[in-house]
Protein backbone atom coordinates (compact mmCIF):
# COMPACT_ATOMS: atom_id res chain seq x y z
CA MET A 1 -15.73 281.02 100.94
CA TYR A 2 -14.29 278.59 98.49
CA ARG A 3 -11.61 276.10 99.22
CA HIS A 4 -9.43 274.94 96.46
CA VAL A 5 -7.80 271.59 96.56
CA VAL A 6 -4.90 271.13 94.24
CA PHE A 7 -3.56 267.71 93.44
CA CYS A 8 -0.07 267.54 92.08
CA ILE A 9 1.02 264.59 90.08
CA GLY A 10 4.72 264.31 89.49
CA VAL A 11 6.26 262.36 86.70
CA LEU A 12 9.94 261.52 86.83
CA ALA A 13 11.57 261.12 83.47
CA VAL A 14 14.89 259.34 83.50
CA GLY A 15 15.59 259.22 79.81
CA GLY A 16 14.89 255.52 79.40
CA VAL A 17 17.16 254.33 82.25
CA GLN A 18 15.40 251.75 84.39
CA ALA A 19 15.46 251.52 88.17
CA GLY A 20 18.24 249.31 89.47
CA GLU A 21 20.42 250.06 86.42
CA ALA A 22 23.15 251.84 88.43
CA GLU A 23 24.10 248.65 90.29
CA LYS A 24 25.10 247.13 86.95
CA PHE A 25 27.68 249.89 86.41
CA PHE A 26 30.02 248.31 88.99
CA SER A 27 32.26 245.37 88.13
CA GLU A 28 32.31 244.55 91.88
CA ARG A 29 30.62 245.97 94.95
CA VAL A 30 32.61 244.39 97.79
CA LYS A 31 36.32 244.60 98.61
CA ASP A 32 37.60 242.49 101.50
CA PHE A 33 41.25 243.23 102.31
CA GLY A 34 41.31 240.26 104.69
CA THR A 35 43.64 240.35 107.69
CA VAL A 36 45.75 243.49 107.71
CA PRO A 37 48.39 244.83 110.13
CA PHE A 38 48.12 248.06 112.07
CA GLY A 39 49.31 251.23 110.36
CA GLN A 40 49.05 250.36 106.69
CA THR A 41 46.78 252.10 104.21
CA GLN A 42 44.71 249.77 102.05
CA VAL A 43 43.61 251.07 98.64
CA HIS A 44 41.08 249.68 96.16
CA HIS A 45 39.70 251.03 92.89
CA PHE A 46 36.04 250.24 92.14
CA LYS A 47 35.46 250.41 88.38
CA ILE A 48 32.27 252.15 87.20
CA THR A 49 31.18 251.76 83.56
CA ASN A 50 28.16 253.43 81.96
CA THR A 51 26.39 250.48 80.33
CA THR A 52 23.42 252.56 79.13
CA ASN A 53 22.83 254.61 75.97
CA HIS A 54 22.45 257.80 78.05
CA VAL A 55 24.82 260.17 79.85
CA VAL A 56 25.17 259.22 83.52
CA SER A 57 25.98 261.71 86.32
CA ILE A 58 27.53 260.74 89.65
CA THR A 59 26.49 263.44 92.10
CA GLY A 60 28.19 262.28 95.27
CA HIS A 61 29.95 259.64 97.34
CA ARG A 62 30.11 259.33 101.11
CA VAL A 63 31.18 256.75 103.69
CA SER A 64 29.79 255.34 106.92
CA CYS A 65 33.12 255.67 108.78
CA GLY A 66 35.99 258.16 108.73
CA CYS A 67 38.50 255.32 108.50
CA VAL A 68 37.71 255.16 104.76
CA SER A 69 37.99 258.06 102.33
CA THR A 70 36.88 258.07 98.70
CA SER A 71 37.76 259.95 95.53
CA LEU A 72 36.31 259.84 92.04
CA GLN A 73 38.14 260.42 88.75
CA ALA A 74 35.12 261.61 86.72
CA ASN A 75 31.54 262.58 87.59
CA VAL A 76 29.97 262.41 84.13
CA LEU A 77 30.11 259.29 81.96
CA ARG A 78 28.99 259.09 78.36
CA PRO A 79 27.73 255.71 77.08
CA GLY A 80 30.51 253.11 77.35
CA GLU A 81 32.86 255.32 79.38
CA SER A 82 34.45 254.16 82.64
CA THR A 83 35.89 255.77 85.74
CA PHE A 84 37.21 254.60 89.11
CA LEU A 85 36.04 255.33 92.63
CA THR A 86 39.07 254.92 94.90
CA ALA A 87 38.47 253.76 98.48
CA THR A 88 41.36 254.26 100.93
CA MET A 89 41.16 252.49 104.30
CA ASP A 90 43.34 253.73 107.19
CA THR A 91 44.07 250.78 109.49
CA ARG A 92 45.14 253.14 112.29
CA ARG A 93 41.53 254.27 112.74
CA PHE A 94 39.79 251.02 113.74
CA ILE A 95 40.39 247.85 115.76
CA GLY A 96 39.48 244.28 114.81
CA ALA A 97 37.01 243.48 112.02
CA LYS A 98 35.53 246.50 110.24
CA GLU A 99 33.02 246.93 107.41
CA VAL A 100 32.50 250.37 105.92
CA ILE A 101 29.66 251.21 103.54
CA VAL A 102 30.37 253.55 100.63
CA TYR A 103 27.31 255.32 99.19
CA VAL A 104 27.51 256.40 95.53
CA THR A 105 24.69 258.69 94.34
CA PHE A 106 23.63 259.03 90.70
CA ALA A 107 21.44 261.77 89.18
CA ASN A 108 20.51 259.88 86.02
CA PRO A 109 19.33 257.37 86.95
CA TYR A 110 18.40 258.81 90.36
CA GLU A 111 19.74 256.00 92.54
CA GLU A 112 22.12 255.32 95.39
CA VAL A 113 24.37 252.26 95.17
CA THR A 114 26.14 250.85 98.23
CA LEU A 115 29.62 249.35 98.19
CA SER A 116 31.34 247.49 101.03
CA VAL A 117 34.96 247.81 102.15
CA ARG A 118 36.11 245.30 104.79
CA ALA A 119 39.25 244.45 106.71
CA ASN A 120 40.25 242.69 109.91
CA ARG A 121 43.04 244.51 111.70
CA ASN A 122 45.15 242.01 113.58
CA ASP A 123 47.81 243.66 115.71
CA ASN A 124 49.61 240.32 115.99
CA PHE A 125 50.28 240.45 112.24
CA SER A 126 52.92 242.70 110.70
CA LYS A 127 54.97 243.13 107.52
CA SER A 128 58.35 244.78 107.17
CA ALA A 129 57.13 246.70 104.09
CA GLU A 130 53.85 247.41 102.35
CA PHE A 131 55.14 246.35 98.91
CA LEU A 132 57.80 244.11 97.45
CA HIS A 133 60.26 246.55 95.87
CA LEU A 134 62.47 245.25 93.07
CA GLY A 135 64.25 248.57 92.65
CA GLN A 136 65.35 250.05 89.34
CA VAL A 137 65.96 247.29 86.81
CA ARG A 138 67.80 247.47 83.49
CA LYS A 139 66.04 246.00 80.49
CA GLY A 140 66.43 242.23 80.28
CA THR A 141 68.11 241.77 83.68
CA GLU A 142 67.03 239.96 86.83
CA ALA A 143 65.95 241.59 90.09
CA THR A 144 64.93 240.33 93.52
CA GLY A 145 62.96 241.86 96.34
CA SER A 146 61.74 240.57 99.69
CA LEU A 147 59.87 241.45 102.84
CA GLN A 148 59.23 239.72 106.15
CA VAL A 149 55.83 238.67 107.46
CA THR A 150 55.47 238.13 111.22
CA MET A 151 52.57 236.56 113.13
CA ARG A 152 52.58 236.62 116.92
CA ASN A 153 50.50 234.48 119.30
CA ASP A 154 49.57 231.95 116.60
CA PRO A 155 52.22 229.20 116.44
CA SER A 156 50.27 227.32 113.73
CA PHE A 157 50.39 230.24 111.25
CA GLU A 158 51.84 229.32 107.88
CA ILE A 159 52.12 230.68 104.36
CA ARG A 160 51.43 227.75 102.07
CA ASP A 161 51.97 229.26 98.65
CA ALA A 162 52.71 232.45 96.71
CA HIS A 163 51.37 233.33 93.26
CA SER A 164 52.11 235.91 90.59
CA GLY A 165 49.93 237.29 87.82
CA THR A 166 52.77 236.96 85.29
CA ASP A 167 55.34 234.32 84.31
CA PHE A 168 58.11 236.95 84.56
CA VAL A 169 57.80 237.20 88.37
CA LYS A 170 58.50 234.11 90.48
CA PRO A 171 57.30 234.51 94.07
CA ALA A 172 58.34 232.38 97.02
CA ALA A 173 57.69 232.13 100.76
CA LYS A 174 60.28 230.70 103.15
CA LEU A 175 59.92 230.05 106.89
CA LEU A 176 62.68 231.91 108.75
CA ARG A 177 61.76 230.96 112.31
CA ARG A 178 58.99 229.59 114.50
CA ASP A 179 59.66 230.09 118.20
CA HIS A 180 58.19 231.59 121.39
CA GLY A 181 54.77 232.09 119.78
CA GLU A 182 56.21 234.08 116.86
CA VAL A 183 56.32 232.90 113.24
CA VAL A 184 58.40 234.79 110.66
CA TYR A 185 58.38 234.21 106.90
CA GLU A 186 60.35 235.81 104.13
CA VAL A 187 58.23 236.54 101.05
CA SER A 188 60.32 237.20 97.96
CA ALA A 189 59.87 237.85 94.25
CA ASN A 190 62.41 237.21 91.52
CA LEU A 191 62.03 239.12 88.25
CA LYS A 192 63.18 236.87 85.42
CA PRO A 193 65.25 238.35 82.59
CA GLY A 194 63.51 239.19 79.34
CA LEU A 195 60.72 241.46 80.55
């Protein structure tokens, strides 16, 4: 009786893409929303750019916690193309500080890249709105919007400054009251004419 021993040698061809290349596709791999109030949905878009000379396939994305969901605009990227992986964090589904890992799987190169989404839900912190709404504005006119920020059980809380990414929007923060362990600020934005 003869026994045959077969040795299999596998060779993985990845079309010239080196190991560790997929990590370089991301412009950032961590999003920290900081302190957030209960009930709001936090959204971030992770940009993915194919920096190789080969077609790249994204075969999947999953999360370590159901408090974050993900969606992807495109699964196949030609050289130089970009897409966005959107991570949506539901602050109603966790308490305190939370870090969620997002796993993004690639077929070429065959790699899994991890992203981190973090937030600290503080139930003492609240906002009257999720966004500053300026409403519908006619061309060349001014507009103003505001919201209130409240912090409870921290009498030393303060907003020191407010910044805008454009010269056409002037933000401001004004203390409305500080009493009985509650601090309330009004955060406003004024749209200058000429935009």
